[in-house]
C-alpha atoms as a PDB file:
ATOM      1  CA  MET A   1      37.494 127.474 186.490  1.00  0.00           C
ATOM      2  CA  ILE A   2      37.315 125.648 190.044  1.00  0.00           C
ATOM      3  CA  THR A   3      39.224 122.301 189.319  1.00  0.00           C
ATOM      4  CA  SER A   4      41.828 123.250 186.915  1.00  0.00           C
ATOM      5  CA  PRO A   5      42.073 127.323 186.762  1.00  0.00           C
ATOM      6  CA  ARG A   6      45.255 128.038 184.444  1.00  0.00           C
ATOM      7  CA  PHE A   7      46.259 131.156 186.110  1.00  0.00           C
ATOM      8  CA  ASP A   8      47.743 132.476 182.971  1.00  0.00           C
ATOM      9  CA  GLU A   9      50.418 135.604 183.325  1.00  0.00           C
ATOM     10  CA  ALA A  10      48.085 137.848 180.729  1.00  0.00           C
ATOM     11  CA  SER A  11      45.018 137.287 182.780  1.00  0.00           C
ATOM     12  CA  LEU A  12      46.748 137.422 186.556  1.00  0.00           C
ATOM     13  CA  ASP A  13      48.557 140.899 185.312  1.00  0.00           C
ATOM     14  CA  LEU A  14      45.041 142.079 183.996  1.00  0.00           C
ATOM     15  CA  GLU A  15      43.297 141.476 187.303  1.00  0.00           C
ATOM     16  CA  ARG A  16      46.271 142.912 189.428  1.00  0.00           C
ATOM     17  CA  GLY A  17      45.581 146.317 187.548  1.00  0.00           C
ATOM     18  CA  VAL A  18      41.824 146.023 188.549  1.00  0.00           C
ATOM     19  CA  ILE A  19      42.548 145.491 191.845  1.00  0.00           C
ATOM     20  CA  LEU A  20      45.128 148.133 192.662  1.00  0.00           C
ATOM     21  CA  GLU A  21      42.583 150.563 190.893  1.00  0.00           C
ATOM     22  CA  GLU A  22      39.901 149.156 193.619  1.00  0.00           C
ATOM     23  CA  ILE A  23      42.535 149.666 196.287  1.00  0.00           C
ATOM     24  CA  ALA A  24      42.972 153.317 195.242  1.00  0.00           C
ATOM     25  CA  SER A  25      39.136 153.671 195.012  1.00  0.00           C
ATOM     26  CA  ALA A  26      38.858 152.487 198.375  1.00  0.00           C
ATOM     27  CA  GLU A  27      41.633 154.717 199.727  1.00  0.00           C
ATOM     28  CA  ASP A  28      40.010 157.802 197.984  1.00  0.00           C
ATOM     29  CA  ASP A  29      36.576 156.913 199.553  1.00  0.00           C
ATOM     30  CA  PRO A  30      36.075 158.181 202.925  1.00  0.00           C
ATOM     31  CA  TYR A  31      33.616 155.797 204.307  1.00  0.00           C
ATOM     32  CA  ASP A  32      35.799 152.650 203.202  1.00  0.00           C
ATOM     33  CA  ARG A  33      38.747 154.149 204.490  1.00  0.00           C
ATOM     34  CA  ILE A  34      37.642 154.435 207.830  1.00  0.00           C
ATOM     35  CA  TYR A  35      36.317 151.153 208.057  1.00  0.00           C
ATOM     36  CA  ASP A  36      39.375 149.835 206.729  1.00  0.00           C
ATOM     37  CA  MET A  37      41.447 151.679 209.128  1.00  0.00           C
ATOM     38  CA  THR A  38      39.315 151.026 212.066  1.00  0.00           C
ATOM     39  CA  ILE A  39      39.148 147.090 211.593  1.00  0.00           C
ATOM     40  CA  GLU A  40      43.140 146.981 210.925  1.00  0.00           C
ATOM     41  CA  LYS A  41      43.375 148.500 214.553  1.00  0.00           C
ATOM     42  CA  VAL A  42      40.250 146.968 216.697  1.00  0.00           C
ATOM     43  CA  TRP A  43      40.434 143.508 215.283  1.00  0.00           C
ATOM     44  CA  ASP A  44      43.207 140.950 215.280  1.00  0.00           C
ATOM     45  CA  ARG A  45      45.189 140.157 211.989  1.00  0.00           C
ATOM     46  CA  ASP A  46      43.605 137.270 210.711  1.00  0.00           C
ATOM     47  CA  PHE A  47      40.323 139.512 210.378  1.00  0.00           C
ATOM     48  CA  GLY A  48      41.921 143.080 210.672  1.00  0.00           C
ATOM     49  CA  ARG A  49      43.586 142.889 207.150  1.00  0.00           C
ATOM     50  CA  PRO A  50      41.559 144.492 204.130  1.00  0.00           C
ATOM     51  CA  ILE A  51      39.984 142.107 201.647  1.00  0.00           C
ATOM     52  CA  LEU A  52      41.634 143.928 198.756  1.00  0.00           C
ATOM     53  CA  GLY A  53      44.824 143.562 200.083  1.00  0.00           C
ATOM     54  CA  TYR A  54      47.830 145.975 200.067  1.00  0.00           C
ATOM     55  CA  HIS A  55      49.223 147.901 197.046  1.00  0.00           C
ATOM     56  CA  ASN A  56      52.846 146.369 197.393  1.00  0.00           C
ATOM     57  CA  THR A  57      51.833 142.793 198.182  1.00  0.00           C
ATOM     58  CA  VAL A  58      49.441 142.839 195.083  1.00  0.00           C
ATOM     59  CA  GLN A  59      52.020 144.261 192.938  1.00  0.00           C
ATOM     60  CA  GLY A  60      54.364 141.836 193.967  1.00  0.00           C
ATOM     61  CA  LEU A  61      52.442 138.772 193.658  1.00  0.00           C
ATOM     62  CA  GLN A  62      53.560 136.106 191.389  1.00  0.00           C
ATOM     63  CA  ARG A  63      51.816 133.172 189.378  1.00  0.00           C
ATOM     64  CA  ASN A  64      53.602 130.715 191.891  1.00  0.00           C
ATOM     65  CA  ASN A  65      52.093 132.500 195.004  1.00  0.00           C
ATOM     66  CA  VAL A  66      48.626 132.214 193.266  1.00  0.00           C
ATOM     67  CA  ALA A  67      48.749 128.676 192.266  1.00  0.00           C
ATOM     68  CA  ASP A  68      50.340 127.284 195.349  1.00  0.00           C
ATOM     69  CA  PHE A  69      47.916 129.198 197.730  1.00  0.00           C
ATOM     70  CA  TYR A  70      44.790 127.829 195.503  1.00  0.00           C
ATOM     71  CA  GLY A  71      46.375 124.338 195.389  1.00  0.00           C
ATOM     72  CA  HIS A  72      46.652 124.188 199.191  1.00  0.00           C
ATOM     73  CA  THR A  73      43.394 125.632 200.179  1.00  0.00           C
ATOM     74  CA  TYR A  74      40.918 125.025 197.331  1.00  0.00           C
ATOM     75  CA  VAL A  75      40.596 121.381 197.811  1.00  0.00           C
ATOM     76  CA  ALA A  76      37.414 118.983 198.103  1.00  0.00           C
ATOM     77  CA  ASN A  77      37.605 119.013 202.107  1.00  0.00           C
ATOM     78  CA  ASN A  78      37.419 122.633 202.176  1.00  0.00           C
ATOM     79  CA  ALA A  79      34.700 123.282 199.664  1.00  0.00           C
ATOM     80  CA  VAL A  80      30.946 124.226 200.174  1.00  0.00           C
ATOM     81  CA  PHE A  81      28.343 123.515 197.441  1.00  0.00           C
ATOM     82  CA  ALA A  82      25.247 125.687 197.682  1.00  0.00           C
ATOM     83  CA  VAL A  83      22.279 125.687 195.403  1.00  0.00           C
ATOM     84  CA  SER A  84      19.143 127.740 195.516  1.00  0.00           C
ATOM     85  CA  GLY A  85      16.215 128.094 192.988  1.00  0.00           C
ATOM     86  CA  ASN A  86      14.472 125.813 190.795  1.00  0.00           C
ATOM     87  CA  TYR A  87      17.087 122.860 190.249  1.00  0.00           C
ATOM     88  CA  GLY A  88      17.004 119.169 189.703  1.00  0.00           C
ATOM     89  CA  THR A  89      18.623 116.166 190.982  1.00  0.00           C
ATOM     90  CA  ASP A  90      20.831 115.974 187.792  1.00  0.00           C
ATOM     91  CA  LEU A  91      22.512 119.069 188.692  1.00  0.00           C
ATOM     92  CA  LEU A  92      23.219 117.616 192.153  1.00  0.00           C
ATOM     93  CA  LYS A  93      24.547 114.450 190.504  1.00  0.00           C
ATOM     94  CA  ASN A  94      26.990 116.626 188.391  1.00  0.00           C
ATOM     95  CA  ALA A  95      27.817 118.746 191.161  1.00  0.00           C
ATOM     96  CA  GLY A  96      28.743 115.837 193.405  1.00  0.00           C
ATOM     97  CA  GLU A  97      30.728 114.165 190.871  1.00  0.00           C
ATOM     98  CA  LYS A  98      32.946 117.389 190.234  1.00  0.00           C
ATOM     99  CA  LEU A  99      33.450 117.789 193.916  1.00  0.00           C
ATOM    100  CA  LEU A 100      34.498 114.078 194.079  1.00  0.00           C
ATOM    101  CA  SER A 101      37.079 114.871 191.580  1.00  0.00           C
ATOM    102  CA  MET A 102      38.753 117.455 193.220  1.00  0.00           C
ATOM    103  CA  LYS A 103      42.088 116.742 194.964  1.00  0.00           C
ATOM    104  CA  LYS A 104      41.901 116.597 198.892  1.00  0.00           C
ATOM    105  CA  ASN A 105      44.735 117.102 201.137  1.00  0.00           C
ATOM    106  CA  GLU A 106      45.306 117.166 205.155  1.00  0.00           C
ATOM    107  CA  SER A 107      44.330 120.650 205.728  1.00  0.00           C
ATOM    108  CA  THR A 108      41.104 121.772 207.493  1.00  0.00           C
ATOM    109  CA  ILE A 109      39.880 125.181 207.709  1.00  0.00           C
ATOM    110  CA  THR A 110      38.529 126.031 211.509  1.00  0.00           C
ATOM    111  CA  PRO A 111      35.898 128.789 211.416  1.00  0.00           C
ATOM    112  CA  LYS A 112      37.419 131.600 213.871  1.00  0.00           C
ATOM    113  CA  SER A 113      35.926 134.683 215.319  1.00  0.00           C
ATOM    114  CA  PRO A 114      37.677 137.896 215.358  1.00  0.00           C
ATOM    115  CA  VAL A 115      39.177 139.015 218.562  1.00  0.00           C
ATOM    116  CA  ILE A 116      38.608 142.513 219.326  1.00  0.00           C
ATOM    117  CA  SER A 117      40.781 144.939 221.518  1.00  0.00           C
ATOM    118  CA  LYS A 118      40.179 145.184 224.898  1.00  0.00           C
ATOM    119  CA  ASP A 119      41.655 148.552 225.282  1.00  0.00           C
ATOM    120  CA  PRO A 120      39.858 151.259 223.911  1.00  0.00           C
ATOM    121  CA  LEU A 121      41.477 152.850 220.703  1.00  0.00           C
ATOM    122  CA  TRP A 122      41.788 156.351 219.621  1.00  0.00           C
ATOM    123  CA  ILE A 123      42.344 156.456 215.878  1.00  0.00           C
ATOM    124  CA  VAL A 124      42.630 159.694 213.617  1.00  0.00           C
ATOM    125  CA  GLU A 125      43.704 160.464 210.151  1.00  0.00           C
ATOM    126  CA  LYS A 126      43.890 163.623 208.581  1.00  0.00           C
ATOM    127  CA  ARG A 127      43.136 164.374 204.941  1.00  0.00           C
ATOM    128  CA  LYS A 128      43.824 167.690 202.529  1.00  0.00           C
ATOM    129  CA  ASP A 129      40.547 166.257 200.429  1.00  0.00           C
ATOM    130  CA  LEU A 130      38.005 166.666 203.280  1.00  0.00           C
ATOM    131  CA  GLN A 131      35.474 169.066 204.343  1.00  0.00           C
ATOM    132  CA  GLN A 132      33.725 166.961 206.730  1.00  0.00           C
ATOM    133  CA  VAL A 133      34.354 164.923 209.891  1.00  0.00           C
ATOM    134  CA  HIS A 134      33.764 161.453 209.449  1.00  0.00           C
ATOM    135  CA  ILE A 135      33.595 159.510 212.861  1.00  0.00           C
ATOM    136  CA  LEU A 136      33.288 155.728 213.367  1.00  0.00           C
ATOM    137  CA  LEU A 137      32.739 154.173 216.898  1.00  0.00           C
ATOM    138  CA  THR A 138      33.276 150.709 217.758  1.00  0.00           C
ATOM    139  CA  ARG A 139      32.449 148.202 220.431  1.00  0.00           C
ATOM    140  CA  ASP A 140      32.227 144.286 220.853  1.00  0.00           C
ATOM    141  CA  ALA A 141      28.796 142.529 220.207  1.00  0.00           C
ATOM    142  CA  PRO A 142      27.450 139.330 220.887  1.00  0.00           C
ATOM    143  CA  GLY A 143      28.417 136.271 218.603  1.00  0.00           C
ATOM    144  CA  ARG A 144      25.888 134.415 216.831  1.00  0.00           C
ATOM    145  CA  ARG A 145      26.225 131.322 219.063  1.00  0.00           C
ATOM    146  CA  CYS A 146      24.807 133.180 222.213  1.00  0.00           C
ATOM    147  CA  LYS A 147      21.352 133.075 220.284  1.00  0.00           C
ATOM    148  CA  ASP A 148      19.584 135.058 222.951  1.00  0.00           C
ATOM    149  CA  ASP A 149      21.876 137.757 223.202  1.00  0.00           C
ATOM    150  CA  PHE A 150      22.595 138.108 219.307  1.00  0.00           C
ATOM    151  CA  ASP A 151      18.653 138.162 218.597  1.00  0.00           C
ATOM    152  CA  ALA A 152      18.067 140.941 221.243  1.00  0.00           C
ATOM    153  CA  PHE A 153      20.961 142.915 219.915  1.00  0.00           C
ATOM    154  CA  LYS A 154      20.146 142.417 216.418  1.00  0.00           C
ATOM    155  CA  ILE A 155      16.561 144.192 217.245  1.00  0.00           C
ATOM    156  CA  PHE A 156      18.485 147.027 218.966  1.00  0.00           C
ATOM    157  CA  ASN A 157      20.640 147.797 216.182  1.00  0.00           C
ATOM    158  CA  THR A 158      17.704 147.664 213.795  1.00  0.00           C
ATOM    159  CA  LEU A 159      15.579 150.284 215.895  1.00  0.00           C
ATOM    160  CA  PHE A 160      18.621 152.248 216.711  1.00  0.00           C
ATOM    161  CA  GLY A 161      20.314 152.971 213.380  1.00  0.00           C
ATOM    162  CA  SER A 162      18.581 151.174 210.533  1.00  0.00           C
ATOM    163  CA  GLY A 163      16.085 153.155 208.471  1.00  0.00           C
ATOM    164  CA  MET A 164      14.170 156.579 208.465  1.00  0.00           C
ATOM    165  CA  SER A 165      12.335 155.605 211.656  1.00  0.00           C
ATOM    166  CA  SER A 166      15.384 154.783 213.747  1.00  0.00           C
ATOM    167  CA  ILE A 167      16.301 156.561 216.872  1.00  0.00           C
ATOM    168  CA  LEU A 168      19.715 158.082 214.862  1.00  0.00           C
ATOM    169  CA  PHE A 169      17.890 159.104 211.781  1.00  0.00           C
ATOM    170  CA  HIS A 170      15.248 160.791 213.431  1.00  0.00           C
ATOM    171  CA  ASN A 171      16.599 162.340 216.485  1.00  0.00           C
ATOM    172  CA  ILE A 172      19.849 163.327 215.417  1.00  0.00           C
ATOM    173  CA  ARG A 173      19.409 163.818 211.406  1.00  0.00           C
ATOM    174  CA  GLU A 174      15.814 164.750 211.131  1.00  0.00           C
ATOM    175  CA  GLU A 175      15.277 166.611 214.512  1.00  0.00           C
ATOM    176  CA  LEU A 176      18.740 168.279 215.027  1.00  0.00           C
ATOM    177  CA  GLY A 177      19.966 168.569 211.426  1.00  0.00           C
ATOM    178  CA  MET A 178      23.476 167.779 212.218  1.00  0.00           C
ATOM    179  CA  VAL A 179      24.232 164.996 209.680  1.00  0.00           C
ATOM    180  CA  TYR A 180      23.248 163.596 206.358  1.00  0.00           C
ATOM    181  CA  ASN A 181      24.791 160.285 207.083  1.00  0.00           C
ATOM    182  CA  ILE A 182      24.214 158.584 210.172  1.00  0.00           C
ATOM    183  CA  ASN A 183      23.476 154.719 210.547  1.00  0.00           C
ATOM    184  CA  SER A 184      24.730 151.781 212.927  1.00  0.00           C
ATOM    185  CA  GLU A 185      25.917 148.118 212.187  1.00  0.00           C
ATOM    186  CA  PHE A 186      26.072 145.019 213.771  1.00  0.00           C
ATOM    187  CA  VAL A 187      28.637 142.475 212.177  1.00  0.00           C
ATOM    188  CA  SER A 188      28.568 139.046 214.071  1.00  0.00           C
ATOM    189  CA  TYR A 189      30.671 135.730 213.657  1.00  0.00           C
ATOM    190  CA  ALA A 190      30.249 132.809 215.775  1.00  0.00           C
ATOM    191  CA  ASP A 191      31.861 133.884 219.032  1.00  0.00           C
ATOM    192  CA  SER A 192      31.949 137.476 218.790  1.00  0.00           C
ATOM    193  CA  GLY A 193      30.958 140.805 216.772  1.00  0.00           C
ATOM    194  CA  ALA A 194      31.167 144.440 216.589  1.00  0.00           C
ATOM    195  CA  PHE A 195      28.672 146.945 216.900  1.00  0.00           C
ATOM    196  CA  MET A 196      29.579 150.514 214.606  1.00  0.00           C
ATOM    197  CA  ILE A 197      27.980 153.800 214.639  1.00  0.00           C
ATOM    198  CA  ASN A 198      28.943 155.853 211.782  1.00  0.00           C
ATOM    199  CA  ALA A 199      28.109 159.470 210.948  1.00  0.00           C
ATOM    200  CA  THR A 200      29.390 162.362 208.839  1.00  0.00           C
ATOM    201  CA  THR A 201      29.248 165.928 209.980  1.00  0.00           C
ATOM    202  CA  SER A 202      30.825 169.423 209.635  1.00  0.00           C
ATOM    203  CA  PRO A 203      33.670 170.300 211.802  1.00  0.00           C
ATOM    204  CA  LYS A 204      31.683 172.891 213.858  1.00  0.00           C
ATOM    205  CA  ASN A 205      28.971 170.240 214.436  1.00  0.00           C
ATOM    206  CA  LEU A 206      31.374 167.471 215.827  1.00  0.00           C
ATOM    207  CA  ASP A 207      31.060 168.139 219.839  1.00  0.00           C
ATOM    208  CA  ASN A 208      27.538 168.479 219.349  1.00  0.00           C
ATOM    209  CA  LEU A 209      27.161 165.383 217.714  1.00  0.00           C
ATOM    210  CA  VAL A 210      29.058 163.387 220.252  1.00  0.00           C
ATOM    211  CA  ASP A 211      27.096 164.862 222.961  1.00  0.00           C
ATOM    212  CA  SER A 212      23.865 163.825 221.165  1.00  0.00           C
ATOM    213  CA  LEU A 213      25.139 160.123 220.679  1.00  0.00           C
ATOM    214  CA  LYS A 214      25.939 160.214 224.312  1.00  0.00           C
ATOM    215  CA  LYS A 215      22.655 161.456 225.223  1.00  0.00           C
ATOM    216  CA  GLU A 216      20.677 159.042 223.025  1.00  0.00           C
ATOM    217  CA  MET A 217      22.398 155.853 224.486  1.00  0.00           C
ATOM    218  CA  GLY A 218      22.367 157.152 227.794  1.00  0.00           C
ATOM    219  CA  THR A 219      18.654 157.558 227.915  1.00  0.00           C
ATOM    220  CA  LEU A 220      18.618 153.783 226.254  1.00  0.00           C
ATOM    221  CA  ILE A 221      20.794 152.239 229.067  1.00  0.00           C
ATOM    222  CA  ASN A 222      18.708 154.382 231.977  1.00  0.00           C
ATOM    223  CA  ARG A 223      15.154 154.096 230.568  1.00  0.00           C
ATOM    224  CA  GLY A 224      15.128 151.491 227.944  1.00  0.00           C
ATOM    225  CA  VAL A 225      13.608 151.593 224.710  1.00  0.00           C
ATOM    226  CA  THR A 226       9.793 152.477 224.157  1.00  0.00           C
ATOM    227  CA  GLU A 227       6.957 150.279 223.107  1.00  0.00           C
ATOM    228  CA  ALA A 228       6.967 152.062 219.617  1.00  0.00           C
ATOM    229  CA  GLN A 229      10.949 151.781 219.253  1.00  0.00           C
ATOM    230  CA  PHE A 230      10.711 148.075 220.313  1.00  0.00           C
ATOM    231  CA  THR A 231       7.625 147.438 217.593  1.00  0.00           C
ATOM    232  CA  TYR A 232       9.552 149.145 215.022  1.00  0.00           C
ATOM    233  CA  GLY A 233      12.881 147.079 215.436  1.00  0.00           C
ATOM    234  CA  LYS A 234      10.960 143.770 215.681  1.00  0.00           C
ATOM    235  CA  GLU A 235       8.860 144.450 212.659  1.00  0.00           C
ATOM    236  CA  ARG A 236      11.493 145.598 210.518  1.00  0.00           C
ATOM    237  CA  ALA A 237      14.030 143.072 211.373  1.00  0.00           C
ATOM    238  CA  ARG A 238      11.125 140.568 210.658  1.00  0.00           C
ATOM    239  CA  GLY A 239      10.392 142.433 207.321  1.00  0.00           C
ATOM    240  CA  LYS A 240      13.516 142.210 205.903  1.00  0.00           C
ATOM    241  CA  LEU A 241      14.074 138.361 207.064  1.00  0.00           C
ATOM    242  CA  LEU A 242      10.850 137.863 204.881  1.00  0.00           C
ATOM    243  CA  MET A 243      12.097 139.686 202.164  1.00  0.00           C
ATOM    244  CA  SER A 244      15.311 137.868 201.711  1.00  0.00           C
ATOM    245  CA  THR A 245      13.359 135.168 200.627  1.00  0.00           C
ATOM    246  CA  GLU A 246      11.820 136.809 197.755  1.00  0.00           C
ATOM    247  CA  GLY A 247      15.186 135.915 195.597  1.00  0.00           C
ATOM    248  CA  THR A 248      17.103 133.030 195.075  1.00  0.00           C
ATOM    249  CA  LEU A 249      20.426 134.767 195.676  1.00  0.00           C
ATOM    250  CA  LEU A 250      19.590 136.508 199.003  1.00  0.00           C
ATOM    251  CA  THR A 251      18.218 133.040 200.165  1.00  0.00           C
ATOM    252  CA  LEU A 252      21.371 131.474 199.004  1.00  0.00           C
ATOM    253  CA  SER A 253      23.563 134.130 200.863  1.00  0.00           C
ATOM    254  CA  ARG A 254      21.833 133.543 203.955  1.00  0.00           C
ATOM    255  CA  PHE A 255      22.090 129.838 203.825  1.00  0.00           C
ATOM    256  CA  LEU A 256      25.967 130.018 202.670  1.00  0.00           C
ATOM    257  CA  ASP A 257      26.681 132.744 205.572  1.00  0.00           C
ATOM    258  CA  ASP A 258      25.044 130.425 208.342  1.00  0.00           C
ATOM    259  CA  VAL A 259      26.973 127.518 206.997  1.00  0.00           C
ATOM    260  CA  VAL A 260      30.422 129.133 206.930  1.00  0.00           C
ATOM    261  CA  ILE A 261      30.285 130.912 210.201  1.00  0.00           C
ATOM    262  CA  CYS A 262      28.285 128.340 212.469  1.00  0.00           C
ATOM    263  CA  GLY A 263      28.469 125.185 210.544  1.00  0.00           C
ATOM    264  CA  LYS A 264      24.748 124.988 209.859  1.00  0.00           C
ATOM    265  CA  PRO A 265      21.993 127.142 208.694  1.00  0.00           C
ATOM    266  CA  ASP A 266      18.839 128.098 210.508  1.00  0.00           C
ATOM    267  CA  SER A 267      15.564 127.823 208.823  1.00  0.00           C
ATOM    268  CA  LEU A 268      13.379 130.632 208.330  1.00  0.00           C
ATOM    269  CA  ASP A 269      10.653 129.409 210.495  1.00  0.00           C
ATOM    270  CA  ASP A 270      13.299 129.044 213.354  1.00  0.00           C
ATOM    271  CA  LEU A 271      14.563 132.642 212.633  1.00  0.00           C
ATOM    272  CA  ILE A 272      10.802 134.008 212.831  1.00  0.00           C
ATOM    273  CA  THR A 273      10.097 132.434 215.934  1.00  0.00           C
ATOM    274  CA  ARG A 274      13.340 133.753 217.827  1.00  0.00           C
ATOM    275  CA  ILE A 275      12.259 137.203 216.892  1.00  0.00           C
ATOM    276  CA  ASP A 276       8.581 136.795 217.856  1.00  0.00           C
ATOM    277  CA  ARG A 277       9.621 135.398 221.219  1.00  0.00           C
ATOM    278  CA  LEU A 278      11.685 138.281 222.119  1.00  0.00           C
ATOM    279  CA  THR A 279      10.335 140.902 224.727  1.00  0.00           C
ATOM    280  CA  ILE A 280      11.465 144.123 225.316  1.00  0.00           C
ATOM    281  CA  ASP A 281      12.973 143.293 228.666  1.00  0.00           C
ATOM    282  CA  ASP A 282      15.299 141.170 226.452  1.00  0.00           C
ATOM    283  CA  VAL A 283      16.076 144.221 224.312  1.00  0.00           C
ATOM    284  CA  ASN A 284      16.777 146.430 227.356  1.00  0.00           C
ATOM    285  CA  ALA A 285      18.793 143.715 228.803  1.00  0.00           C
ATOM    286  CA  SER A 286      21.141 143.494 225.706  1.00  0.00           C
ATOM    287  CA  ILE A 287      21.641 147.509 225.545  1.00  0.00           C
ATOM    288  CA  LYS A 288      22.880 147.566 229.344  1.00  0.00           C
ATOM    289  CA  LYS A 289      25.293 144.738 228.720  1.00  0.00           C
ATOM    290  CA  TYR A 290      26.626 145.600 225.285  1.00  0.00           C
ATOM    291  CA  ILE A 291      26.576 149.579 224.969  1.00  0.00           C
ATOM    292  CA  ALA A 292      27.843 150.853 228.508  1.00  0.00           C
ATOM    293  CA  GLY A 293      31.494 151.768 228.893  1.00  0.00           C
ATOM    294  CA  LYS A 294      34.302 152.876 226.695  1.00  0.00           C
ATOM    295  CA  TRP A 295      34.437 152.736 222.798  1.00  0.00           C
ATOM    296  CA  ASN A 296      36.897 152.742 220.156  1.00  0.00           C
ATOM    297  CA  VAL A 297      36.790 155.739 218.257  1.00  0.00           C
ATOM    298  CA  SER A 298      37.888 156.459 214.783  1.00  0.00           C
ATOM    299  CA  LEU A 299      38.151 159.804 212.973  1.00  0.00           C
ATOM    300  CA  LEU A 300      38.848 161.111 209.577  1.00  0.00           C
ATOM    301  CA  LEU A 301      39.419 165.025 209.625  1.00  0.00           C
ATOM    302  CA  PRO A 302      40.130 167.980 207.436  1.00  0.00           C
ATOM    303  CA  GLU A 303      43.775 168.662 207.476  1.00  0.00           C
ATOM    304  CA  LYS A 304      42.916 172.271 208.742  1.00  0.00           C
ATOM    305  CA  LYS A 305      43.388 172.791 212.472  1.00  0.00           C
ATOM    306  CA  GLN A 306      40.144 171.618 214.504  1.00  0.00           C
ATOM    307  CA  GLN A 307      38.555 173.713 217.382  1.00  0.00           C
ATOM    308  CA  SER A 308      36.846 170.602 219.110  1.00  0.00           C
ATOM    309  CA  ARG A 309      36.348 169.763 222.893  1.00  0.00           C
ATOM    310  CA  PHE A 310      36.022 166.157 221.868  1.00  0.00           C
ATOM    311  CA  LEU A 311      39.211 165.784 219.791  1.00  0.00           C
ATOM    312  CA  SER A 312      41.123 167.298 223.284  1.00  0.00           C
ATOM    313  CA  GLU A 313      39.326 164.461 225.338  1.00  0.00           C
ATOM    314  CA  ALA A 314      40.378 161.611 222.982  1.00  0.00           C
ATOM    315  CA  SER A 315      37.876 159.323 224.843  1.00  0.00           C
ATOM    316  CA  PHE A 316      34.249 158.168 224.327  1.00  0.00           C
ATOM    317  CA  LYS A 317      32.527 156.811 227.532  1.00  0.00           C
ATOM    318  CA  ILE A 318      28.962 156.009 227.923  1.00  0.00           C
END
């Protein structure tokens, strides 16, 4: 499979059909759709295109296209072998021999980081099949090589939008009852990243939801996080990291992700030490640095006419 794939026409046609169905499924799912339409506009072309591809490109893909791409890209000098679990030296020896038997070429893959749009974008799509408004707010965020900012912002993301004790879940879902789904996400590459806030609400609640988000983030910028919020963020981040060691696949994924993006993995002890030494001042400084200013706004709306102050403003600024 790795060194001598057949790429027979029957298998390619079968997989093409599966991928086309997967593309259709992603387009039908509002959660998938709002992320795809956002990333495509907010990030540069190398990172903005959907992993699944487009209907027309997948439909028109021929065997020679696949084989040529594979032959140029999947070579020994671009390969990473990773293993985790109860393995012996024979496995490593055999894998090494297989890697050495693969052909090489002059190509090199240099790890890249996405370039996020500097001008705030307003992205709107209307659909007949929706009853709720889906909103995704995005901003640039620190990359992994900037370890101090990265670690502090990771704690902020955890306390802000991860879990039932997070600020977004408690203050907007549990206290105000305006949403069922609300969370934040921090995606980071070597030199850049993105911070995203995702929520779903009824059209009548959109303005109140936007006002509430602005209020929560404004409070964090002006007053900082509380000791309780900071402790929750650190302990949850620390706990998730420790839980990732309980399965070989999770361990493997973490190490491989570090190698592909940054060139080498961080040890668990190093990661825990970095979390433990963070202070509340570090997190508050990161909040002021990264969440103030203008944001990109993406909206999936029901097709019927919306009565909303936010839609007429066409901006989101903290």
